[in-house]
Amino acid sequence: MASELTPPIPAPGATEDVIVNDVAPVTRPARATQRWRGRLRSLTVADGVMALIGGLALWFRFGDLARLPLSPAEAVAALASRQFTSTAPLDVPVISPAYFTFTNLLMGLGMDGDAAARLVPAVFGLLTVLLLWTWRGRVRPVVWLTAALFMAVSPLLVAVSRAAGGDAIALFALMLLACGSVFSGSVVSRSVGQYSVSSRSVGRWAVVSGLIH
């Protein structure tokens, strides 16, 4: 009886195969998940305030876009895209190539009306405000949050963002170039404790905004 309960003793020099079947494999979170968790942990109160400012800018720019009829200048800008998408003869000038291109995409998808004519400027007007979010970590939060709030509620910028045409696109391009140039150090340079603006970069801004507009 004792011999039946005693496990067999392996012979000297023999190897014993051990198979483990009840151990679950150890898995690690994906890199994308870890990256998103790191970003969420890095969010601050300033980011939450900027999100509220972005929502305010969204409301001012997209709220009831078709409430007022198109002005004569807006109608000319939108009519070119409307004629192009409807394969009608293009008998009006293209005022803004950028606006003409983006609005063609929208109207080609079936969108029409005054709201569709003003949608592209509204999108770029919102992006202009959100560009100030890129100043996070480079400037004190009170600076870029105050600038973003003023830009979000500015009657002039709201009017430009709600008008059919290329003005809002050109303003976004200027803001994008300004942020990129400042962060790369190609525009603003520190000299004797003051900031000097490169005239070459300012000229580049003007040329590019004229081409995009």
Protein backbone atom coordinates (compact mmCIF):
# COMPACT_ATOMS: atom_id res chain seq x y z
CA MET A 1 0.00 0.00 0.00
CA ALA A 2 2.84 2.32 0.81
CA SER A 3 4.49 1.53 -2.50
CA GLU A 4 1.40 2.62 -4.39
CA LEU A 5 1.42 6.09 -2.78
CA THR A 6 5.15 6.68 -3.18
CA PRO A 7 5.94 8.61 -6.39
CA PRO A 8 8.46 7.02 -8.68
CA ILE A 9 12.05 8.11 -8.18
CA PRO A 10 13.67 9.21 -11.44
CA ALA A 11 16.79 7.45 -12.47
CA PRO A 12 20.11 9.23 -11.97
CA GLY A 13 20.92 11.52 -14.90
CA ALA A 14 17.38 11.51 -16.25
CA THR A 15 15.60 14.81 -16.89
CA GLU A 16 12.06 15.46 -15.78
CA ASP A 17 9.69 17.48 -17.99
CA VAL A 18 7.55 19.91 -16.01
CA ILE A 19 4.46 21.22 -17.76
CA VAL A 20 2.63 24.13 -16.21
CA ASN A 21 -0.86 24.62 -17.62
CA ASP A 22 -2.61 26.69 -14.99
CA VAL A 23 -0.40 29.80 -15.14
CA ALA A 24 -2.06 32.69 -17.01
CA PRO A 25 0.17 34.63 -19.41
CA VAL A 26 1.29 38.03 -18.20
CA THR A 27 0.07 40.82 -20.51
CA ARG A 28 1.14 44.46 -20.52
CA PRO A 29 -1.02 47.43 -21.56
CA ALA A 30 -0.53 48.51 -25.15
CA ARG A 31 1.74 51.44 -25.81
CA ALA A 32 -1.16 53.51 -27.12
CA THR A 33 -3.09 52.95 -23.89
CA GLN A 34 -0.08 53.92 -21.81
CA ARG A 35 0.39 57.04 -23.92
CA TRP A 36 -3.23 58.12 -23.46
CA ARG A 37 -3.04 57.48 -19.72
CA GLY A 38 0.06 59.66 -19.53
CA ARG A 39 -1.68 62.45 -21.39
CA LEU A 40 -4.73 62.28 -19.16
CA ARG A 41 -2.54 62.47 -16.08
CA SER A 42 -0.77 65.54 -17.47
CA LEU A 43 -4.02 67.53 -17.84
CA THR A 44 -4.28 70.54 -15.59
CA VAL A 45 -6.91 73.04 -14.49
CA ALA A 46 -5.70 75.34 -17.27
CA ASP A 47 -6.57 72.66 -19.83
CA GLY A 48 -10.08 72.43 -18.42
CA VAL A 49 -10.49 76.21 -18.60
CA MET A 50 -9.23 76.18 -22.19
CA ALA A 51 -11.76 73.50 -23.07
CA LEU A 52 -14.52 75.75 -21.72
CA ILE A 53 -13.17 78.68 -23.75
CA GLY A 54 -13.13 76.44 -26.83
CA GLY A 55 -16.76 75.54 -26.21
CA LEU A 56 -17.61 79.24 -25.91
CA ALA A 57 -15.84 79.97 -29.19
CA LEU A 58 -17.68 77.05 -30.79
CA TRP A 59 -21.04 78.45 -29.68
CA PHE A 60 -20.29 81.97 -30.92
CA ARG A 61 -19.09 80.77 -34.33
CA PHE A 62 -21.45 77.90 -35.14
CA GLY A 63 -24.63 79.04 -33.43
CA ASP A 64 -27.39 79.64 -35.99
CA LEU A 65 -25.12 80.30 -38.97
CA ALA A 66 -28.06 80.79 -41.32
CA ARG A 67 -29.87 83.34 -39.12
CA LEU A 68 -28.92 86.23 -41.40
CA PRO A 69 -29.00 86.07 -45.20
CA LEU A 70 -25.75 86.23 -47.12
CA SER A 71 -24.44 89.69 -47.89
CA PRO A 72 -23.66 90.54 -51.54
CA ALA A 73 -19.94 89.86 -51.02
CA GLU A 74 -20.69 86.54 -49.29
CA ALA A 75 -23.12 85.57 -52.05
CA VAL A 76 -20.47 86.11 -54.72
CA ALA A 77 -17.93 83.98 -52.81
CA ALA A 78 -20.44 81.17 -52.23
CA LEU A 79 -21.95 81.31 -55.72
CA ALA A 80 -18.66 80.34 -57.35
CA SER A 81 -18.56 77.10 -55.34
CA ARG A 82 -22.24 76.46 -55.98
CA GLN A 83 -21.84 76.85 -59.73
CA PHE A 84 -18.75 74.66 -59.79
CA THR A 85 -20.38 71.77 -57.93
CA SER A 86 -23.55 72.00 -60.03
CA THR A 87 -21.52 71.97 -63.30
CA ALA A 88 -23.05 75.33 -64.20
CA PRO A 89 -21.03 77.93 -66.11
CA LEU A 90 -18.70 79.75 -63.73
CA ASP A 91 -19.62 83.37 -64.43
CA VAL A 92 -18.49 84.89 -61.10
CA PRO A 93 -14.90 85.45 -59.98
CA VAL A 94 -13.25 83.19 -57.41
CA ILE A 95 -12.50 85.63 -54.60
CA SER A 96 -10.66 83.20 -52.30
CA PRO A 97 -9.04 80.04 -53.72
CA ALA A 98 -8.84 78.42 -50.28
CA TYR A 99 -12.48 79.12 -49.47
CA PHE A 100 -13.49 78.01 -52.95
CA THR A 101 -11.66 74.68 -52.53
CA PHE A 102 -12.97 73.78 -49.07
CA THR A 103 -16.53 74.88 -49.81
CA ASN A 104 -16.50 72.80 -52.98
CA LEU A 105 -15.78 69.74 -50.84
CA LEU A 106 -18.74 70.47 -48.58
CA MET A 107 -21.17 71.23 -51.38
CA GLY A 108 -19.95 68.18 -53.26
CA LEU A 109 -21.11 66.11 -50.27
CA GLY A 110 -24.63 67.50 -50.66
CA MET A 111 -24.52 70.42 -48.23
CA ASP A 112 -26.22 73.60 -49.39
CA GLY A 113 -27.61 76.85 -48.09
CA ASP A 114 -26.30 79.79 -46.12
CA ALA A 115 -25.02 77.60 -43.26
CA ALA A 116 -22.93 75.53 -45.66
CA ALA A 117 -21.50 78.70 -47.19
CA ARG A 118 -20.34 79.89 -43.77
CA LEU A 119 -19.23 76.57 -42.31
CA VAL A 120 -15.61 76.65 -43.53
CA PRO A 121 -14.85 80.10 -42.07
CA ALA A 122 -16.46 79.03 -38.79
CA VAL A 123 -14.21 75.97 -38.58
CA PHE A 124 -11.06 77.98 -39.21
CA GLY A 125 -12.21 80.66 -36.78
CA LEU A 126 -12.53 78.02 -34.07
CA LEU A 127 -9.11 76.58 -34.92
CA THR A 128 -7.58 80.05 -34.63
CA VAL A 129 -8.69 80.23 -31.00
CA LEU A 130 -7.60 76.66 -30.25
CA LEU A 131 -4.12 77.38 -31.63
CA LEU A 132 -3.37 79.21 -28.40
CA TRP A 133 -3.50 75.81 -26.68
CA THR A 134 -0.08 75.16 -28.25
CA TRP A 135 1.35 77.78 -25.89
CA ARG A 136 0.77 75.33 -23.04
CA GLY A 137 4.01 74.71 -21.19
CA ARG A 138 5.79 77.59 -22.94
CA VAL A 139 3.99 80.59 -21.45
CA ARG A 140 2.26 81.08 -18.13
CA PRO A 141 -1.32 79.79 -18.28
CA VAL A 142 -2.83 83.16 -17.40
CA VAL A 143 -1.30 84.65 -20.55
CA TRP A 144 -2.59 82.23 -23.17
CA LEU A 145 -5.91 81.68 -21.39
CA THR A 146 -6.59 85.42 -21.34
CA ALA A 147 -5.64 85.76 -25.00
CA ALA A 148 -7.84 82.80 -25.93
CA LEU A 149 -10.80 84.24 -24.03
CA PHE A 150 -10.50 87.62 -25.76
CA MET A 151 -10.21 85.94 -29.16
CA ALA A 152 -13.18 83.68 -28.44
CA VAL A 153 -15.57 86.55 -27.62
CA SER A 154 -14.09 89.27 -29.85
CA PRO A 155 -16.94 90.70 -31.97
CA LEU A 156 -14.56 91.33 -34.86
CA LEU A 157 -13.17 87.78 -34.92
CA VAL A 158 -16.64 86.32 -34.48
CA ALA A 159 -17.91 88.37 -37.43
CA VAL A 160 -14.97 87.28 -39.60
CA SER A 161 -15.53 83.64 -38.63
CA ARG A 162 -19.21 83.82 -39.53
CA ALA A 163 -18.73 85.48 -42.94
CA ALA A 164 -18.43 83.49 -46.15
CA GLY A 165 -15.02 84.20 -47.63
CA GLY A 166 -11.33 83.64 -47.11
CA ASP A 167 -10.62 86.13 -44.32
CA ALA A 168 -10.94 83.56 -41.52
CA ILE A 169 -8.67 81.13 -43.39
CA ALA A 170 -6.02 83.80 -43.91
CA LEU A 171 -6.17 84.76 -40.24
CA PHE A 172 -5.71 81.13 -39.22
CA ALA A 173 -2.72 80.81 -41.55
CA LEU A 174 -1.11 83.90 -40.06
CA MET A 175 -1.70 82.65 -36.52
CA LEU A 176 -0.29 79.23 -37.40
CA LEU A 177 2.85 80.72 -38.95
CA ALA A 178 3.29 83.06 -36.00
CA CYS A 179 3.06 80.23 -33.45
CA GLY A 180 5.37 77.98 -35.44
CA SER A 181 7.94 80.71 -36.00
CA VAL A 182 7.94 81.90 -32.42
CA PHE A 183 8.35 78.39 -31.04
CA SER A 184 11.16 77.61 -33.44
CA GLY A 185 12.94 80.83 -32.57
CA SER A 186 13.04 82.10 -36.16
CA VAL A 187 10.95 85.21 -35.58
CA VAL A 188 11.41 86.43 -32.04
CA SER A 189 14.96 86.65 -30.80
CA ARG A 190 16.13 87.97 -27.43
CA SER A 191 18.48 90.91 -27.80
CA VAL A 192 19.62 93.12 -24.89
CA GLY A 193 16.62 91.99 -22.83
CA GLN A 194 14.09 92.93 -25.55
CA TYR A 195 12.36 91.08 -28.34
CA SER A 196 13.11 92.05 -31.94
CA VAL A 197 10.93 90.88 -34.82
CA SER A 198 12.57 89.75 -38.00
CA SER A 199 11.33 91.77 -40.98
CA ARG A 200 11.98 88.83 -43.29
CA SER A 201 9.58 86.63 -41.33
CA VAL A 202 6.93 89.35 -41.28
CA GLY A 203 7.20 89.63 -45.05
CA ARG A 204 6.85 85.86 -45.32
CA TRP A 205 3.65 86.01 -43.28
CA ALA A 206 2.19 88.64 -45.60
CA VAL A 207 3.06 86.71 -48.76
CA VAL A 208 1.68 83.41 -47.49
CA SER A 209 -1.52 84.96 -46.18
CA GLY A 210 -2.06 86.62 -49.55
CA LEU A 211 -1.62 83.32 -51.37
CA ILE A 212 -3.91 81.39 -49.04
CA HIS A 213 -6.58 84.06 -48.93
